[in-house]
Amino acid sequence: MRSARARQFPQLIETLKMQLKAQGLTQRDVAGRLGVGLATVKRWLAGDGLTTQRMEDLCDLAKISLVELIEASAREPIDRITQFSPSQERALAEDSRLFFVFFSLLNGWPPDDCARELGLDQGTMQAILKRLVRLGLVDVLPGGRVRVLTVREVAWRPDGPLSKNFAARRDFVERGSDAQDLHMSDFVKLSAAGLNEVRDLLEELRREIHRVARADRHRTAADRTWQGLLFLVHPLRMDAIRATMSGSSGRGKP
């Protein structure tokens, strides 16, 4: 497979990238494993100079055969949705079952596992799948296999119905002293441009967490639980902070 031919199959390269990410491998990791420069790996993953032997080397790292890679690539839609349309957002925001089935499928869980996890009978599950098909979010293939038509890191509007609905449904998240929360608190002063950069960083963090989750599915431990990710960057109420500081300034005075 010469580089010119590799460029004719961009989906094959994209599928290979996803398989490498699923193994938790960065381009720098790949370069180190194969003893080549980072620039070389970047060039290969752009379809330039990627020979059959090098493709097989990359497949070995991704723990997939070249034949399996070709088959997986053929199953993936070339132009997947990168952002929900307004109608897709509204539908997912208005129906909790639709929302959780779609995102379970997006996380790679088979339909039967989704139905069992959410306590849905087969009739209800099939009705939800048909609605997702009508919305253009999934395809149902022969044998009942489901193909999701969005990218894994599909985006939605920060001020749209999905964001508002998800933020409002904090009752889905377990709270209390027994909950194993991972949390960090801090505060910073940001301009509008800085806030946009933080928003991009949160999106990057979300993608990385999903990469960890994909790799985690290959581990032998079976005691996995669903975890809710709530990222919050919100303006501080400086009037309340100033009032608190003013109220405490007189304490201890004679």
Protein backbone atom coordinates (compact mmCIF):
# COMPACT_ATOMS: atom_id res chain seq x y z
CA MET A 1 0.00 0.00 0.00
CA ARG A 2 1.76 3.12 -1.21
CA SER A 3 1.10 6.53 0.28
CA ALA A 4 -0.95 7.63 -2.73
CA ARG A 5 -3.25 4.67 -2.24
CA ALA A 6 -3.48 5.30 1.50
CA ARG A 7 -4.77 8.78 0.80
CA GLN A 8 -7.61 7.22 -1.22
CA PHE A 9 -8.95 5.57 1.93
CA PRO A 10 -9.25 8.35 4.53
CA GLN A 11 -11.82 6.35 6.50
CA LEU A 12 -9.30 3.53 6.95
CA ILE A 13 -6.85 6.01 8.49
CA GLU A 14 -9.55 7.54 10.69
CA THR A 15 -10.60 4.10 11.95
CA LEU A 16 -6.96 3.28 12.71
CA LYS A 17 -6.63 6.53 14.70
CA MET A 18 -9.72 5.62 16.74
CA GLN A 19 -8.34 2.13 17.43
CA LEU A 20 -5.03 3.58 18.61
CA LYS A 21 -6.85 6.04 20.88
CA ALA A 22 -8.95 3.17 22.27
CA GLN A 23 -5.67 1.57 23.41
CA GLY A 24 -4.72 4.83 25.12
CA LEU A 25 -1.88 5.51 22.67
CA THR A 26 -0.92 9.02 21.63
CA GLN A 27 1.07 9.76 18.48
CA ARG A 28 4.12 10.28 20.68
CA ASP A 29 3.56 6.82 22.23
CA VAL A 30 3.35 5.28 18.77
CA ALA A 31 6.58 7.00 17.72
CA GLY A 32 8.35 5.65 20.81
CA ARG A 33 7.05 2.11 20.33
CA LEU A 34 8.10 1.99 16.67
CA GLY A 35 11.39 3.88 17.11
CA VAL A 36 10.57 6.67 14.68
CA GLY A 37 10.11 10.42 14.97
CA LEU A 38 6.84 12.05 15.96
CA ALA A 39 6.75 13.90 12.61
CA THR A 40 6.92 10.54 10.82
CA VAL A 41 3.92 9.19 12.73
CA LYS A 42 1.95 12.36 12.01
CA ARG A 43 2.77 11.95 8.33
CA TRP A 44 1.67 8.30 8.36
CA LEU A 45 -1.61 9.14 10.05
CA ALA A 46 -2.21 11.75 7.37
CA GLY A 47 -1.91 8.91 4.82
CA ASP A 48 1.51 9.96 3.55
CA GLY A 49 4.26 7.35 3.23
CA LEU A 50 2.16 4.66 4.94
CA THR A 51 3.22 1.31 3.47
CA THR A 52 1.49 -2.01 4.07
CA GLN A 53 4.21 -3.02 6.53
CA ARG A 54 3.87 0.19 8.51
CA MET A 55 0.08 -0.15 8.48
CA GLU A 56 0.47 -3.64 9.95
CA ASP A 57 2.88 -2.28 12.59
CA LEU A 58 0.29 0.31 13.58
CA CYS A 59 -2.44 -2.35 13.64
CA ASP A 60 -0.31 -4.44 16.01
CA LEU A 61 -0.15 -1.50 18.41
CA ALA A 62 -3.91 -0.98 18.04
CA LYS A 63 -4.46 -4.72 18.76
CA ILE A 64 -6.41 -5.25 15.56
CA SER A 65 -5.52 -7.11 12.36
CA LEU A 66 -5.37 -5.32 9.03
CA VAL A 67 -8.36 -7.35 7.82
CA GLU A 68 -10.34 -6.40 10.93
CA LEU A 69 -9.38 -2.76 10.42
CA ILE A 70 -10.65 -2.83 6.83
CA GLU A 71 -13.91 -4.45 7.95
CA ALA A 72 -14.38 -1.93 10.77
CA SER A 73 -13.64 0.92 8.38
CA ALA A 74 -16.25 -0.33 5.93
CA ARG A 75 -18.87 -0.33 8.70
CA GLU A 76 -18.20 3.29 9.67
CA PRO A 77 -20.00 6.14 7.89
CA ILE A 78 -17.52 8.43 6.16
CA ASP A 79 -19.18 11.71 7.09
CA ARG A 80 -20.38 11.36 10.66
CA ILE A 81 -22.34 14.07 12.44
CA THR A 82 -20.12 16.35 14.53
CA GLN A 83 -22.86 18.49 16.10
CA PHE A 84 -26.52 17.82 16.90
CA SER A 85 -29.12 19.73 14.91
CA PRO A 86 -31.66 21.79 16.92
CA SER A 87 -34.36 19.15 16.33
CA GLN A 88 -32.04 16.33 17.49
CA GLU A 89 -31.15 18.30 20.61
CA ARG A 90 -34.80 18.97 21.44
CA ALA A 91 -35.75 15.32 20.99
CA LEU A 92 -32.94 14.07 23.23
CA ALA A 93 -33.62 16.76 25.84
CA GLU A 94 -37.35 16.00 26.02
CA ASP A 95 -37.11 12.21 26.36
CA SER A 96 -34.81 10.80 29.07
CA ARG A 97 -35.02 7.25 27.72
CA LEU A 98 -34.07 8.42 24.24
CA PHE A 99 -31.19 10.41 25.73
CA PHE A 100 -29.72 7.56 27.77
CA VAL A 101 -30.17 4.91 25.07
CA PHE A 102 -28.41 7.08 22.50
CA PHE A 103 -25.49 7.96 24.74
CA SER A 104 -25.16 4.33 25.87
CA LEU A 105 -24.92 3.29 22.22
CA LEU A 106 -22.46 6.12 21.61
CA ASN A 107 -20.33 4.71 24.45
CA GLY A 108 -20.17 1.41 22.56
CA TRP A 109 -22.70 -0.62 24.54
CA PRO A 110 -24.80 -3.14 22.52
CA PRO A 111 -28.60 -2.55 22.39
CA ASP A 112 -29.34 -5.55 24.63
CA ASP A 113 -26.99 -4.21 27.31
CA CYS A 114 -28.63 -0.77 27.03
CA ALA A 115 -32.09 -2.25 27.47
CA ARG A 116 -31.03 -4.35 30.46
CA GLU A 117 -29.19 -1.46 32.14
CA LEU A 118 -32.15 0.92 31.72
CA GLY A 119 -34.85 -1.65 32.51
CA LEU A 120 -36.50 -1.47 29.08
CA ASP A 121 -38.47 -4.30 27.47
CA GLN A 122 -37.67 -5.23 23.87
CA GLY A 123 -40.75 -3.48 22.45
CA THR A 124 -39.81 -0.19 24.10
CA MET A 125 -36.18 -0.56 23.05
CA GLN A 126 -37.15 -1.17 19.44
CA ALA A 127 -39.45 1.87 19.46
CA ILE A 128 -36.60 4.03 20.80
CA LEU A 129 -34.21 2.70 18.13
CA LYS A 130 -36.75 3.48 15.39
CA ARG A 131 -37.05 7.03 16.69
CA LEU A 132 -33.26 7.42 16.73
CA VAL A 133 -33.22 6.20 13.12
CA ARG A 134 -35.85 8.80 12.16
CA LEU A 135 -33.75 11.48 13.85
CA GLY A 136 -30.75 10.45 11.75
CA LEU A 137 -28.67 9.50 14.78
CA VAL A 138 -28.29 5.74 14.23
CA ASP A 139 -28.71 3.01 11.61
CA VAL A 140 -30.02 -0.44 12.49
CA LEU A 141 -28.13 -3.02 10.43
CA PRO A 142 -28.92 -6.67 9.64
CA GLY A 143 -28.71 -8.85 12.73
CA GLY A 144 -29.83 -6.03 14.99
CA ARG A 145 -26.43 -4.37 15.13
CA VAL A 146 -26.58 -0.59 15.60
CA ARG A 147 -24.28 1.93 13.94
CA VAL A 148 -24.13 5.38 15.53
CA LEU A 149 -23.96 8.15 12.92
CA THR A 150 -22.25 10.79 15.07
CA VAL A 151 -18.65 11.17 16.07
CA ARG A 152 -17.89 10.08 19.63
CA GLU A 153 -17.27 13.65 20.73
CA VAL A 154 -20.49 14.98 19.19
CA ALA A 155 -21.07 18.60 20.24
CA TRP A 156 -24.17 20.44 21.33
CA ARG A 157 -24.85 24.11 21.94
CA PRO A 158 -23.76 25.43 25.35
CA ASP A 159 -27.06 27.33 25.67
CA GLY A 160 -29.20 24.71 23.94
CA PRO A 161 -31.88 22.40 25.35
CA LEU A 162 -29.52 19.48 25.92
CA SER A 163 -27.11 21.48 28.07
CA LYS A 164 -29.95 23.03 30.07
CA ASN A 165 -31.75 19.73 30.55
CA PHE A 166 -28.64 17.86 31.61
CA ALA A 167 -27.63 20.57 34.06
CA ALA A 168 -31.12 20.52 35.58
CA ARG A 169 -31.18 16.73 36.06
CA ARG A 170 -28.68 16.53 38.89
CA ASP A 171 -31.05 14.13 40.64
CA PHE A 172 -29.55 11.48 38.33
CA VAL A 173 -26.25 11.84 40.18
CA GLU A 174 -25.74 10.03 43.46
CA ARG A 175 -24.94 12.34 46.33
CA GLY A 176 -24.09 11.87 49.99
CA SER A 177 -21.18 10.86 52.15
CA ASP A 178 -20.94 7.40 50.53
CA ALA A 179 -20.66 8.76 46.98
CA GLN A 180 -17.14 8.42 45.57
CA ASP A 181 -16.86 11.90 44.14
CA LEU A 182 -13.82 13.16 42.29
CA HIS A 183 -13.95 16.91 42.52
CA MET A 184 -11.77 19.98 42.41
CA SER A 185 -12.68 23.56 43.21
CA ASP A 186 -10.89 26.73 42.21
CA PHE A 187 -11.62 30.19 40.84
CA VAL A 188 -10.00 32.45 38.27
CA LYS A 189 -10.64 35.77 36.59
CA LEU A 190 -11.17 35.46 32.83
CA SER A 191 -11.95 37.60 29.83
CA ALA A 192 -14.43 36.42 27.20
CA ALA A 193 -11.52 35.10 25.13
CA GLY A 194 -10.10 33.27 28.13
CA LEU A 195 -13.48 31.73 28.89
CA ASN A 196 -13.65 30.41 25.32
CA GLU A 197 -10.25 28.80 25.80
CA VAL A 198 -11.48 27.15 29.01
CA ARG A 199 -14.53 25.87 27.14
CA ASP A 200 -12.21 24.25 24.57
CA LEU A 201 -10.16 22.70 27.39
CA LEU A 202 -13.30 21.21 28.97
CA GLU A 203 -14.25 19.70 25.62
CA GLU A 204 -10.76 18.25 25.32
CA LEU A 205 -11.04 16.86 28.86
CA ARG A 206 -14.37 15.25 27.97
CA ARG A 207 -12.78 13.53 24.98
CA GLU A 208 -9.90 12.26 27.11
CA ILE A 209 -12.25 10.87 29.76
CA HIS A 210 -14.11 8.97 27.05
CA ARG A 211 -10.78 7.64 25.79
CA VAL A 212 -10.10 6.31 29.30
CA ALA A 213 -13.58 4.74 29.36
CA ARG A 214 -13.00 2.98 26.03
CA ALA A 215 -9.68 1.57 27.21
CA ASP A 216 -11.30 0.58 30.53
CA ARG A 217 -13.76 -1.70 28.74
CA HIS A 218 -10.85 -4.01 27.84
CA ARG A 219 -9.88 -4.51 31.46
CA THR A 220 -10.96 -7.71 33.19
CA ALA A 221 -12.75 -6.07 36.13
CA ALA A 222 -16.52 -6.35 35.76
CA ASP A 223 -17.64 -4.03 38.56
CA ARG A 224 -18.13 -0.90 36.46
CA THR A 225 -20.65 1.77 37.40
CA TRP A 226 -21.96 4.73 35.43
CA GLN A 227 -20.39 8.02 36.45
CA GLY A 228 -21.89 11.45 35.80
CA LEU A 229 -19.53 14.17 34.57
CA LEU A 230 -20.59 17.65 35.63
CA PHE A 231 -18.20 20.39 34.53
CA LEU A 232 -19.20 23.79 35.90
CA VAL A 233 -17.64 27.14 35.14
CA HIS A 234 -19.97 29.85 36.40
CA PRO A 235 -19.61 33.56 37.30
CA LEU A 236 -19.01 34.19 40.98
CA ARG A 237 -21.43 36.40 42.90
CA MET A 238 -18.94 39.05 43.87
CA ASP A 239 -21.62 41.07 45.69
CA ALA A 240 -22.25 38.12 48.02
CA ILE A 241 -18.51 37.56 48.48
CA ARG A 242 -17.95 41.22 49.32
CA ALA A 243 -20.89 41.14 51.75
CA THR A 244 -19.43 38.09 53.49
CA MET A 245 -16.03 39.74 53.81
CA SER A 246 -17.60 42.93 55.08
CA GLY A 247 -19.61 41.02 57.64
CA SER A 248 -16.55 39.17 58.91
CA SER A 249 -14.29 42.23 59.08
CA GLY A 250 -15.78 43.38 62.35
CA ARG A 251 -15.35 40.06 64.09
CA GLY A 252 -12.87 40.02 66.88
CA LYS A 253 -12.93 43.78 67.30
CA PRO A 254 -13.20 44.99 70.89
